[in-house]
Each structure stands twice: as C-alpha cells, then as structure tokens.
C-alpha cells in the first residue's frame, strides 16, 4: 500500500501574508484589479487563449484543499444505492421528527399539569378547601378567609429565597465556551 505524503508547505508560503508586500488586504486588491482590468471579451475562452487569465486567490485555495491528496473523494452513488441512501435518510429524519414531537407533547403535558396545579393553589384557602368544597359541605366562608384564599399560590409565585444556598455565579447562563476568568476567588457573600 502506497503511503500518502504530507502536503508541501511551499504553496501555503506563497499565500502567506508575510510574503505579500502590498498594503491593501488581498480581497480589496482583487476588487481593485477587477475594476481596473479592461474587459474586451466576455468569454473566458478568449482570455485563456490570450494567456492573461487572472485567478482569484480564494478559488485557488479552495481548489488546493479540495483536491488535496488527503481529502477523501466525494461519494458518488449508483441510482439504486442513492435511492437506498435517501430512503434511510428520510426514515431517520421522520424518526427524529417523531422524537421531537413526542418531546414537545411531553413538555406541553407537564406545562398544563403545572398550570392546573397553580390554579388549584390559587383557589384553595388556608384549610385546603375551595369555595365550591365549602358550599358542597355546607360550611360558610368567614370574612378573613377571602384574604387567605390563594395565599399558597402567592407565596409560590414570589420565589423568595431560591438562591439562598447557592452562589449567584451559578445562575449565569450556560455557554459553549468558558468565561474569560474561570473563577472569581475574591467573591464573598
């Protein structure tokens, strides 16, 4: 088996910014060169025949990396194999859609259950009974019970003391990259 040689660094040195002596960035130079070039022919064939074809450095670099010996060749499927690949891919996407919908339905079910629980908290008084329960049992509602109705709901919605046991730094948004300073050692409560 033939070994694959590492790419030569000579081509990369040609494109390195150290080798260029002009002051403009290469994208700006390319734009200026295109503006100043006299365009007598609209066809690429004539330009090629005349021998003064200007190549874009970006395209050259893309071609270099795409046609590099270590770059694997693109997949080319026969018609049947492509159909098999498409069928499997479509089945996988349908499966992923089903999982996503199931996840959304479960979250919706949880949200509705929490909403119903909050509504129950809002309607009960300090004895754990609603106004309907009191009417059904034949009990009268006292004057100060109206103030106590929904007390548990109000306390639950205040969310006081949630972060008492945990430093507030843990409340920051989780990110993909670490913070600039890993830990604030000077922080005190």
N, C-alpha and C. Protein backbone atom coordinates (compact mmCIF):
# COMPACT_ATOMS: atom_id res chain seq x y z
N UNK A 1 0.85 -1.19 0.00
CA UNK A 1 0.00 0.00 0.00
C UNK A 1 0.88 1.24 0.00
N UNK A 2 0.60 2.14 -0.89
CA UNK A 2 1.41 3.36 -1.01
C UNK A 2 1.08 4.31 0.12
N UNK A 3 2.10 4.91 0.67
CA UNK A 3 1.87 5.87 1.76
C UNK A 3 1.57 7.24 1.16
N UNK A 4 0.72 7.97 1.82
CA UNK A 4 0.34 9.30 1.36
C UNK A 4 1.27 10.30 2.02
N UNK A 5 1.89 11.13 1.18
CA UNK A 5 2.82 12.11 1.70
C UNK A 5 2.07 13.33 2.20
N UNK A 6 2.64 13.95 3.20
CA UNK A 6 2.07 15.19 3.73
C UNK A 6 2.18 16.28 2.68
N UNK A 7 1.27 17.24 2.66
CA UNK A 7 1.32 18.30 1.65
C UNK A 7 2.54 19.19 1.84
N UNK A 8 2.98 19.72 0.71
CA UNK A 8 4.12 20.63 0.74
C UNK A 8 3.69 21.97 1.32
N UNK A 9 4.56 22.59 2.06
CA UNK A 9 4.27 23.89 2.65
C UNK A 9 4.58 25.03 1.69
N UNK A 10 5.16 24.70 0.52
CA UNK A 10 5.56 25.75 -0.41
C UNK A 10 4.35 26.54 -0.91
N UNK A 11 3.26 25.84 -1.22
CA UNK A 11 2.08 26.54 -1.72
C UNK A 11 1.47 27.43 -0.64
N UNK A 12 1.51 26.96 0.59
CA UNK A 12 0.97 27.78 1.67
C UNK A 12 1.83 29.02 1.91
N UNK A 13 3.14 28.89 1.70
CA UNK A 13 4.03 30.04 1.88
C UNK A 13 3.74 31.11 0.83
N UNK A 14 3.34 30.68 -0.36
CA UNK A 14 3.03 31.64 -1.42
C UNK A 14 1.87 32.53 -1.00
N UNK A 15 0.89 31.93 -0.30
CA UNK A 15 -0.29 32.68 0.08
C UNK A 15 -0.19 33.32 1.46
N UNK A 16 0.93 33.17 2.13
CA UNK A 16 1.03 33.72 3.49
C UNK A 16 1.10 35.24 3.43
N UNK A 17 0.58 35.92 4.45
CA UNK A 17 0.59 37.38 4.45
C UNK A 17 1.98 37.97 4.55
N UNK A 18 2.95 37.20 5.04
CA UNK A 18 4.31 37.71 5.17
C UNK A 18 4.93 37.92 3.80
N UNK A 19 4.60 37.04 2.83
CA UNK A 19 5.20 37.12 1.51
C UNK A 19 4.66 38.30 0.71
N UNK A 20 3.47 38.78 1.03
CA UNK A 20 2.89 39.89 0.28
C UNK A 20 3.43 41.22 0.81
N UNK A 21 3.78 42.09 -0.12
CA UNK A 21 4.36 43.37 0.30
C UNK A 21 3.37 44.52 0.18
N UNK A 22 2.23 44.31 -0.48
CA UNK A 22 1.29 45.41 -0.67
C UNK A 22 0.57 45.71 0.64
N UNK A 23 0.05 46.93 0.72
CA UNK A 23 -0.57 47.35 1.97
C UNK A 23 -2.05 47.01 2.03
N UNK A 24 -2.71 46.86 0.89
CA UNK A 24 -4.14 46.54 0.89
C UNK A 24 -4.37 45.07 1.22
N UNK A 25 -5.46 44.74 1.86
CA UNK A 25 -5.78 43.32 2.03
C UNK A 25 -6.06 42.69 0.67
N UNK A 26 -5.88 41.38 0.58
CA UNK A 26 -5.95 40.74 -0.74
C UNK A 26 -7.35 40.78 -1.33
N UNK A 27 -8.39 40.86 -0.51
CA UNK A 27 -9.73 40.96 -1.08
C UNK A 27 -9.93 42.33 -1.74
N UNK A 28 -9.40 43.39 -1.10
CA UNK A 28 -9.53 44.72 -1.68
C UNK A 28 -8.70 44.83 -2.95
N UNK A 29 -7.51 44.21 -2.95
CA UNK A 29 -6.68 44.23 -4.16
C UNK A 29 -7.40 43.53 -5.31
N UNK A 30 -8.09 42.42 -4.98
CA UNK A 30 -8.81 41.70 -6.02
C UNK A 30 -9.92 42.55 -6.61
N UNK A 31 -10.63 43.29 -5.75
CA UNK A 31 -11.71 44.16 -6.24
C UNK A 31 -11.15 45.27 -7.11
N UNK A 32 -10.04 45.87 -6.68
CA UNK A 32 -9.43 46.94 -7.47
C UNK A 32 -8.92 46.41 -8.80
N UNK A 33 -8.35 45.22 -8.79
CA UNK A 33 -7.83 44.65 -10.04
C UNK A 33 -8.97 44.38 -11.01
N UNK A 34 -10.11 43.94 -10.50
CA UNK A 34 -11.23 43.69 -11.39
C UNK A 34 -11.79 44.99 -11.95
N UNK A 35 -11.75 46.07 -11.17
CA UNK A 35 -12.26 47.35 -11.67
C UNK A 35 -11.33 47.92 -12.74
N UNK A 36 -10.03 47.79 -12.56
CA UNK A 36 -9.08 48.42 -13.46
C UNK A 36 -8.83 47.60 -14.71
N UNK A 37 -9.19 46.34 -14.72
CA UNK A 37 -8.90 45.48 -15.86
C UNK A 37 -9.82 45.84 -17.03
N UNK A 38 -9.23 46.05 -18.19
CA UNK A 38 -10.02 46.34 -19.38
C UNK A 38 -10.65 45.04 -19.86
N UNK A 39 -11.95 45.02 -19.99
CA UNK A 39 -12.65 43.80 -20.33
C UNK A 39 -13.09 43.89 -21.79
N UNK A 40 -12.27 43.33 -22.71
CA UNK A 40 -12.59 43.37 -24.13
C UNK A 40 -13.38 42.15 -24.56
N UNK A 41 -13.36 41.12 -23.75
CA UNK A 41 -14.05 39.90 -24.12
C UNK A 41 -14.92 39.45 -22.96
N UNK A 42 -16.09 38.97 -23.29
CA UNK A 42 -16.97 38.48 -22.24
C UNK A 42 -16.79 36.98 -22.04
N UNK A 43 -16.00 36.37 -22.90
CA UNK A 43 -15.83 34.92 -22.78
C UNK A 43 -14.52 34.58 -22.08
N UNK A 44 -14.57 33.53 -21.33
CA UNK A 44 -13.37 33.09 -20.62
C UNK A 44 -12.39 32.42 -21.57
N UNK A 45 -12.93 31.86 -22.65
CA UNK A 45 -12.09 31.13 -23.60
C UNK A 45 -11.08 32.07 -24.26
N UNK A 46 -11.55 33.26 -24.65
CA UNK A 46 -10.65 34.20 -25.31
C UNK A 46 -9.57 34.68 -24.34
N UNK A 47 -9.97 34.94 -23.09
CA UNK A 47 -8.99 35.35 -22.08
C UNK A 47 -7.94 34.26 -21.90
N UNK A 48 -8.39 33.02 -21.89
CA UNK A 48 -7.47 31.91 -21.70
C UNK A 48 -6.51 31.79 -22.88
N UNK A 49 -7.04 32.00 -24.09
CA UNK A 49 -6.22 31.89 -25.29
C UNK A 49 -5.17 32.99 -25.31
N UNK A 50 -5.54 34.18 -24.84
CA UNK A 50 -4.60 35.28 -24.81
C UNK A 50 -3.54 35.07 -23.74
N UNK A 51 -3.84 34.23 -22.73
CA UNK A 51 -2.84 33.90 -21.73
C UNK A 51 -2.78 34.84 -20.54
N UNK A 52 -3.72 35.74 -20.40
CA UNK A 52 -3.67 36.65 -19.26
C UNK A 52 -4.86 36.43 -18.33
N UNK A 53 -5.04 35.17 -17.94
CA UNK A 53 -6.13 34.84 -17.03
C UNK A 53 -5.69 35.17 -15.61
N UNK A 54 -6.51 35.95 -14.92
CA UNK A 54 -6.22 36.28 -13.52
C UNK A 54 -7.06 35.35 -12.65
N UNK A 55 -6.39 34.61 -11.79
CA UNK A 55 -7.09 33.67 -10.91
C UNK A 55 -7.33 34.32 -9.56
N UNK A 56 -8.49 34.04 -9.02
CA UNK A 56 -8.83 34.52 -7.69
C UNK A 56 -8.13 33.65 -6.66
N UNK A 57 -7.46 34.27 -5.70
CA UNK A 57 -6.71 33.52 -4.70
C UNK A 57 -7.62 32.65 -3.85
N UNK A 58 -8.83 33.12 -3.59
CA UNK A 58 -9.75 32.33 -2.78
C UNK A 58 -10.11 31.03 -3.49
N UNK A 59 -10.38 31.12 -4.78
CA UNK A 59 -10.73 29.92 -5.55
C UNK A 59 -9.53 28.98 -5.62
N UNK A 60 -8.34 29.54 -5.78
CA UNK A 60 -7.14 28.71 -5.82
C UNK A 60 -6.97 27.94 -4.51
N UNK A 61 -7.16 28.62 -3.40
CA UNK A 61 -7.02 27.94 -2.11
C UNK A 61 -8.10 26.88 -1.91
N UNK A 62 -9.32 27.18 -2.30
CA UNK A 62 -10.39 26.19 -2.17
C UNK A 62 -10.08 24.97 -3.02
N UNK A 63 -9.64 25.19 -4.26
CA UNK A 63 -9.30 24.06 -5.12
C UNK A 63 -8.14 23.26 -4.55
N UNK A 64 -7.16 23.95 -3.98
CA UNK A 64 -5.99 23.27 -3.41
C UNK A 64 -6.43 22.33 -2.29
N UNK A 65 -7.31 22.83 -1.42
CA UNK A 65 -7.71 22.00 -0.29
C UNK A 65 -8.71 20.92 -0.70
N UNK A 66 -9.53 21.19 -1.70
CA UNK A 66 -10.47 20.16 -2.15
C UNK A 66 -9.77 19.05 -2.91
N UNK A 67 -8.73 19.39 -3.68
CA UNK A 67 -8.03 18.40 -4.48
C UNK A 67 -6.77 17.90 -3.79
N UNK A 68 -6.69 18.10 -2.49
CA UNK A 68 -5.54 17.64 -1.73
C UNK A 68 -5.54 16.12 -1.68
N UNK A 69 -4.38 15.48 -1.70
CA UNK A 69 -4.36 14.01 -1.69
C UNK A 69 -4.99 13.39 -0.44
N UNK A 70 -4.98 14.11 0.68
CA UNK A 70 -5.56 13.55 1.90
C UNK A 70 -7.07 13.77 1.98
N UNK A 71 -7.62 14.61 1.10
CA UNK A 71 -9.06 14.84 1.10
C UNK A 71 -9.75 13.64 0.47
N UNK A 72 -10.70 13.02 1.17
CA UNK A 72 -11.37 11.86 0.57
C UNK A 72 -12.23 12.30 -0.61
N UNK A 73 -12.37 11.40 -1.55
CA UNK A 73 -13.17 11.74 -2.74
C UNK A 73 -14.64 11.84 -2.35
N UNK A 74 -15.39 12.66 -3.07
CA UNK A 74 -16.82 12.77 -2.76
C UNK A 74 -17.55 11.47 -3.08
N UNK A 75 -18.60 11.20 -2.34
CA UNK A 75 -19.35 9.98 -2.57
C UNK A 75 -20.16 10.11 -3.86
N UNK A 76 -20.10 9.07 -4.65
CA UNK A 76 -20.91 9.02 -5.87
C UNK A 76 -21.66 7.70 -5.84
N UNK A 77 -22.97 7.79 -5.72
CA UNK A 77 -23.79 6.60 -5.60
C UNK A 77 -24.39 6.23 -6.94
N UNK A 78 -24.60 4.94 -7.13
CA UNK A 78 -25.40 4.50 -8.27
C UNK A 78 -26.86 4.85 -7.96
N UNK A 79 -27.72 4.67 -8.96
CA UNK A 79 -29.11 5.07 -8.78
C UNK A 79 -29.78 4.29 -7.65
N UNK A 80 -29.57 2.97 -7.61
CA UNK A 80 -30.19 2.15 -6.56
C UNK A 80 -29.61 2.48 -5.19
N UNK A 81 -28.30 2.67 -5.14
CA UNK A 81 -27.68 2.96 -3.85
C UNK A 81 -28.12 4.34 -3.36
N UNK A 82 -28.23 5.29 -4.28
CA UNK A 82 -28.71 6.62 -3.90
C UNK A 82 -30.13 6.53 -3.35
N UNK A 83 -30.98 5.74 -4.01
CA UNK A 83 -32.36 5.57 -3.55
C UNK A 83 -32.39 4.94 -2.16
N UNK A 84 -31.52 3.93 -1.94
CA UNK A 84 -31.43 3.32 -0.61
C UNK A 84 -30.99 4.34 0.43
N UNK A 85 -29.96 5.12 0.07
CA UNK A 85 -29.44 6.13 0.99
C UNK A 85 -30.52 7.16 1.32
N UNK A 86 -31.24 7.62 0.30
CA UNK A 86 -32.29 8.62 0.50
C UNK A 86 -33.40 8.05 1.38
N UNK A 87 -33.77 6.77 1.15
CA UNK A 87 -34.83 6.14 1.93
C UNK A 87 -34.44 6.05 3.40
N UNK A 88 -33.21 5.62 3.66
CA UNK A 88 -32.74 5.51 5.04
C UNK A 88 -32.67 6.89 5.69
N UNK A 89 -32.15 7.87 4.94
CA UNK A 89 -32.05 9.22 5.48
C UNK A 89 -33.44 9.78 5.80
N UNK A 90 -34.39 9.56 4.91
CA UNK A 90 -35.75 10.06 5.13
C UNK A 90 -36.39 9.37 6.34
N UNK A 91 -36.15 8.06 6.47
CA UNK A 91 -36.69 7.34 7.62
C UNK A 91 -36.08 7.88 8.92
N UNK A 92 -34.78 8.16 8.88
CA UNK A 92 -34.12 8.71 10.08
C UNK A 92 -34.68 10.08 10.42
N UNK A 93 -34.92 10.92 9.40
CA UNK A 93 -35.47 12.25 9.65
C UNK A 93 -36.90 12.14 10.21
N UNK A 94 -37.69 11.20 9.71
CA UNK A 94 -39.05 11.02 10.24
C UNK A 94 -39.00 10.55 11.69
N UNK A 95 -38.03 9.68 11.99
CA UNK A 95 -37.87 9.21 13.37
C UNK A 95 -37.48 10.37 14.28
N UNK A 96 -36.55 11.22 13.81
CA UNK A 96 -36.15 12.38 14.61
C UNK A 96 -37.33 13.34 14.81
N UNK A 97 -38.15 13.53 13.77
CA UNK A 97 -39.34 14.38 13.90
C UNK A 97 -40.30 13.81 14.94
N UNK A 98 -40.46 12.48 14.92
CA UNK A 98 -41.35 11.84 15.90
C UNK A 98 -40.83 12.05 17.31
N UNK A 99 -39.51 11.88 17.51
CA UNK A 99 -38.93 12.12 18.83
C UNK A 99 -39.14 13.56 19.27
N UNK A 100 -38.94 14.50 18.33
CA UNK A 100 -39.10 15.92 18.66
C UNK A 100 -40.54 16.23 19.04
N UNK A 101 -41.49 15.68 18.28
CA UNK A 101 -42.91 15.92 18.59
C UNK A 101 -43.29 15.29 19.93
N UNK A 102 -42.78 14.08 20.19
CA UNK A 102 -43.06 13.44 21.49
C UNK A 102 -42.51 14.27 22.63
N UNK A 103 -41.30 14.81 22.44
CA UNK A 103 -40.69 15.65 23.47
C UNK A 103 -41.53 16.91 23.69
N UNK A 104 -41.98 17.52 22.60
CA UNK A 104 -42.81 18.73 22.72
C UNK A 104 -44.14 18.42 23.40
N UNK A 105 -44.75 17.27 23.05
CA UNK A 105 -46.02 16.90 23.69
C UNK A 105 -45.82 16.64 25.19
N UNK A 106 -44.71 16.01 25.55
CA UNK A 106 -44.44 15.76 26.97
C UNK A 106 -44.24 17.07 27.72
N UNK A 107 -43.51 18.02 27.10
CA UNK A 107 -43.33 19.33 27.73
C UNK A 107 -44.65 20.07 27.85
N UNK A 108 -45.49 19.96 26.82
CA UNK A 108 -46.80 20.60 26.88
C UNK A 108 -47.66 19.99 27.98
N UNK A 109 -47.60 18.64 28.12
CA UNK A 109 -48.35 17.97 29.18
C UNK A 109 -47.87 18.44 30.55
N UNK A 110 -46.55 18.53 30.73
CA UNK A 110 -46.01 19.00 32.01
C UNK A 110 -46.43 20.44 32.29
N UNK A 111 -46.38 21.28 31.25
CA UNK A 111 -46.77 22.68 31.43
C UNK A 111 -48.23 22.78 31.85
N UNK A 112 -49.09 22.00 31.18
CA UNK A 112 -50.52 22.04 31.51
C UNK A 112 -50.77 21.53 32.93
N UNK A 113 -50.03 20.49 33.35
CA UNK A 113 -50.19 19.96 34.71
C UNK A 113 -49.74 21.01 35.73
N UNK A 114 -48.63 21.71 35.45
CA UNK A 114 -48.17 22.75 36.37
C UNK A 114 -49.17 23.91 36.42
N UNK A 115 -49.74 24.25 35.28
CA UNK A 115 -50.72 25.32 35.23
C UNK A 115 -51.97 24.94 36.04
N UNK A 116 -52.41 23.68 35.92
CA UNK A 116 -53.57 23.22 36.68
C UNK A 116 -53.27 23.22 38.18
N UNK A 117 -52.04 22.82 38.55
CA UNK A 117 -51.66 22.81 39.97
C UNK A 117 -51.63 24.24 40.52
N UNK A 118 -51.11 25.18 39.73
CA UNK A 118 -51.10 26.59 40.17
C UNK A 118 -52.52 27.12 40.33
N UNK A 119 -53.41 26.72 39.43
CA UNK A 119 -54.80 27.16 39.53
C UNK A 119 -55.45 26.60 40.80
N UNK A 120 -55.15 25.34 41.12
CA UNK A 120 -55.67 24.75 42.37
C UNK A 120 -55.13 25.51 43.58
N UNK A 121 -53.83 25.83 43.56
CA UNK A 121 -53.25 26.61 44.67
C UNK A 121 -53.93 27.97 44.80
N UNK A 122 -54.26 28.56 43.66
CA UNK A 122 -54.87 29.89 43.68
C UNK A 122 -56.27 29.85 44.30
N UNK A 123 -56.96 28.72 44.16
CA UNK A 123 -58.35 28.63 44.61
C UNK A 123 -58.51 28.11 46.04
N UNK A 124 -57.49 27.46 46.62
CA UNK A 124 -57.68 26.90 47.96
C UNK A 124 -57.33 27.92 49.04
N UNK A 125 -57.91 27.70 50.21
CA UNK A 125 -57.64 28.59 51.34
C UNK A 125 -56.65 27.93 52.30
N UNK A 126 -56.50 28.51 53.49
CA UNK A 126 -55.51 28.01 54.44
C UNK A 126 -55.87 26.63 54.99
N UNK A 127 -57.10 26.20 54.85
CA UNK A 127 -57.52 24.87 55.30
C UNK A 127 -57.48 23.85 54.18
N UNK A 128 -57.10 24.27 52.98
CA UNK A 128 -57.01 23.34 51.85
C UNK A 128 -58.33 23.09 51.16
N UNK A 129 -59.28 23.99 51.30
CA UNK A 129 -60.60 23.82 50.68
C UNK A 129 -60.88 24.97 49.73
N UNK A 130 -61.59 24.66 48.66
CA UNK A 130 -62.02 25.71 47.73
C UNK A 130 -63.39 26.20 48.15
N UNK A 131 -63.85 27.27 47.51
CA UNK A 131 -65.18 27.81 47.80
C UNK A 131 -66.25 26.79 47.42
N UNK A 132 -66.05 26.06 46.33
CA UNK A 132 -67.01 25.03 45.92
C UNK A 132 -67.09 23.91 46.96
N UNK A 133 -65.90 23.52 47.51
CA UNK A 133 -65.90 22.49 48.56
C UNK A 133 -66.69 22.95 49.78
N UNK A 134 -66.53 24.21 50.16
CA UNK A 134 -67.25 24.74 51.34
C UNK A 134 -68.76 24.73 51.08
N UNK A 135 -69.19 25.11 49.87
CA UNK A 135 -70.63 25.11 49.56
C UNK A 135 -71.15 23.68 49.58
N UNK A 136 -70.39 22.76 49.02
CA UNK A 136 -70.81 21.37 48.96
C UNK A 136 -70.93 20.76 50.37
N UNK A 137 -70.00 21.15 51.26
CA UNK A 137 -70.03 20.63 52.63
C UNK A 137 -70.93 21.44 53.55
N UNK A 138 -71.45 22.55 53.07
CA UNK A 138 -72.36 23.37 53.85
C UNK A 138 -71.67 24.27 54.85
N UNK A 139 -70.40 24.55 54.66
CA UNK A 139 -69.68 25.45 55.56
C UNK A 139 -69.76 26.86 55.02
N UNK A 140 -69.79 27.82 55.92
CA UNK A 140 -69.82 29.22 55.49
C UNK A 140 -68.39 29.74 55.42
N UNK A 141 -68.18 30.68 54.52
CA UNK A 141 -66.85 31.28 54.39
C UNK A 141 -66.76 32.48 55.30
N UNK A 142 -65.72 32.53 56.09
CA UNK A 142 -65.54 33.63 57.03
C UNK A 142 -65.00 34.85 56.29
N UNK A 143 -65.08 36.00 56.93
CA UNK A 143 -64.67 37.26 56.31
C UNK A 143 -63.17 37.29 56.03
N UNK A 144 -62.37 36.79 56.96
CA UNK A 144 -60.92 36.87 56.75
C UNK A 144 -60.41 35.72 55.88
N UNK A 145 -61.27 34.75 55.55
CA UNK A 145 -60.84 33.65 54.69
C UNK A 145 -60.61 34.10 53.25
N UNK A 146 -61.28 35.17 52.84
CA UNK A 146 -61.08 35.68 51.48
C UNK A 146 -59.64 36.14 51.29
N UNK A 147 -59.07 36.69 52.36
CA UNK A 147 -57.67 37.13 52.30
C UNK A 147 -56.73 35.93 52.22
N UNK A 148 -57.12 34.84 52.89
CA UNK A 148 -56.27 33.65 52.92
C UNK A 148 -56.39 32.81 51.65
N UNK A 149 -57.43 33.03 50.87
CA UNK A 149 -57.59 32.25 49.64
C UNK A 149 -56.49 32.64 48.66
N UNK A 150 -55.81 31.64 48.15
CA UNK A 150 -54.73 31.89 47.19
C UNK A 150 -53.41 32.26 47.82
N UNK A 151 -53.31 32.16 49.15
CA UNK A 151 -52.07 32.53 49.84
C UNK A 151 -50.90 31.65 49.40
N UNK A 152 -51.13 30.34 49.30
CA UNK A 152 -50.06 29.43 48.88
C UNK A 152 -49.59 29.74 47.45
N UNK A 153 -50.55 30.11 46.60
CA UNK A 153 -50.19 30.47 45.22
C UNK A 153 -49.31 31.71 45.21
N UNK A 154 -49.69 32.72 45.98
CA UNK A 154 -48.90 33.95 46.02
C UNK A 154 -47.49 33.69 46.56
N UNK A 155 -47.39 32.86 47.59
CA UNK A 155 -46.08 32.54 48.15
C UNK A 155 -45.24 31.78 47.13
N UNK A 156 -45.86 30.85 46.40
CA UNK A 156 -45.12 30.08 45.40
C UNK A 156 -44.63 30.97 44.26
N UNK A 157 -45.42 31.98 43.90
CA UNK A 157 -45.03 32.84 42.79
C UNK A 157 -43.99 33.89 43.19
N UNK A 158 -43.84 34.16 44.49
CA UNK A 158 -42.84 35.15 44.92
C UNK A 158 -41.42 34.66 44.68
N UNK A 159 -41.19 33.35 44.86
CA UNK A 159 -39.88 32.74 44.64
C UNK A 159 -38.81 33.37 45.53
N UNK A 160 -39.17 33.71 46.75
CA UNK A 160 -38.18 34.26 47.69
C UNK A 160 -37.27 33.16 48.19
N UNK A 161 -35.99 33.47 48.31
CA UNK A 161 -35.04 32.55 48.93
C UNK A 161 -34.61 31.40 48.05
N UNK A 162 -34.82 31.48 46.75
CA UNK A 162 -34.43 30.38 45.88
C UNK A 162 -32.91 30.23 45.85
N UNK A 163 -32.19 31.36 45.81
CA UNK A 163 -30.73 31.32 45.66
C UNK A 163 -30.01 31.48 47.00
N UNK A 164 -30.68 31.27 48.12
CA UNK A 164 -30.02 31.45 49.40
C UNK A 164 -28.86 30.48 49.60
N UNK A 165 -29.01 29.26 49.19
CA UNK A 165 -27.96 28.27 49.44
C UNK A 165 -26.92 28.18 48.35
N UNK A 166 -27.11 28.89 47.25
CA UNK A 166 -26.24 28.74 46.09
C UNK A 166 -25.66 30.09 45.72
N UNK A 167 -24.35 30.19 45.45
CA UNK A 167 -23.80 31.47 44.98
C UNK A 167 -24.45 31.90 43.67
N UNK A 168 -24.62 33.18 43.50
CA UNK A 168 -25.33 33.71 42.34
C UNK A 168 -24.57 33.44 41.04
N UNK A 169 -23.26 33.17 41.13
CA UNK A 169 -22.49 32.86 39.92
C UNK A 169 -23.04 31.64 39.21
N UNK A 170 -23.62 30.72 39.98
CA UNK A 170 -24.17 29.52 39.35
C UNK A 170 -25.43 29.82 38.57
N UNK A 171 -25.97 31.00 38.70
CA UNK A 171 -27.19 31.36 37.99
C UNK A 171 -26.90 31.90 36.61
N UNK A 172 -25.63 32.01 36.23
CA UNK A 172 -25.33 32.58 34.92
C UNK A 172 -25.74 31.60 33.82
N UNK A 173 -25.92 32.12 32.64
CA UNK A 173 -26.34 31.31 31.51
C UNK A 173 -25.22 30.36 31.13
N UNK A 174 -25.56 29.11 30.88
CA UNK A 174 -24.55 28.14 30.46
C UNK A 174 -24.14 28.46 29.03
N UNK A 175 -22.83 28.46 28.77
CA UNK A 175 -22.34 28.83 27.45
C UNK A 175 -21.50 27.70 26.88
N UNK A 176 -21.20 27.80 25.58
CA UNK A 176 -20.39 26.80 24.91
C UNK A 176 -18.92 26.95 25.26
N UNK A 177 -18.50 28.17 25.54
CA UNK A 177 -17.08 28.42 25.81
C UNK A 177 -16.93 28.91 27.24
N UNK A 178 -15.76 28.69 27.85
CA UNK A 178 -15.58 29.14 29.23
C UNK A 178 -15.49 30.66 29.32
N UNK A 179 -15.68 31.17 30.52
CA UNK A 179 -15.60 32.61 30.73
C UNK A 179 -14.14 33.06 30.65
N UNK A 180 -13.94 34.38 30.52
CA UNK A 180 -12.57 34.90 30.44
C UNK A 180 -11.81 34.62 31.73
N UNK A 181 -12.45 34.85 32.87
CA UNK A 181 -11.82 34.50 34.14
C UNK A 181 -12.60 33.32 34.70
N UNK A 182 -11.90 32.23 34.95
CA UNK A 182 -12.57 30.98 35.31
C UNK A 182 -13.32 31.02 36.61
N UNK A 183 -12.75 31.62 37.64
CA UNK A 183 -13.40 31.63 38.95
C UNK A 183 -13.04 32.91 39.66
N UNK A 184 -14.01 33.55 40.25
CA UNK A 184 -13.78 34.79 40.97
C UNK A 184 -13.45 34.43 42.42
N UNK A 185 -12.14 34.38 42.73
CA UNK A 185 -11.71 33.98 44.07
C UNK A 185 -11.96 35.07 45.10
N UNK A 186 -12.14 36.31 44.68
CA UNK A 186 -12.34 37.42 45.61
C UNK A 186 -13.80 37.55 46.05
N UNK A 187 -14.70 36.75 45.45
CA UNK A 187 -16.12 36.90 45.75
C UNK A 187 -16.42 36.42 47.16
N UNK A 188 -17.20 37.20 47.90
CA UNK A 188 -17.70 36.78 49.21
C UNK A 188 -19.17 37.12 49.29
N UNK A 189 -19.87 36.44 50.16
CA UNK A 189 -21.31 36.67 50.29
C UNK A 189 -21.57 37.95 51.06
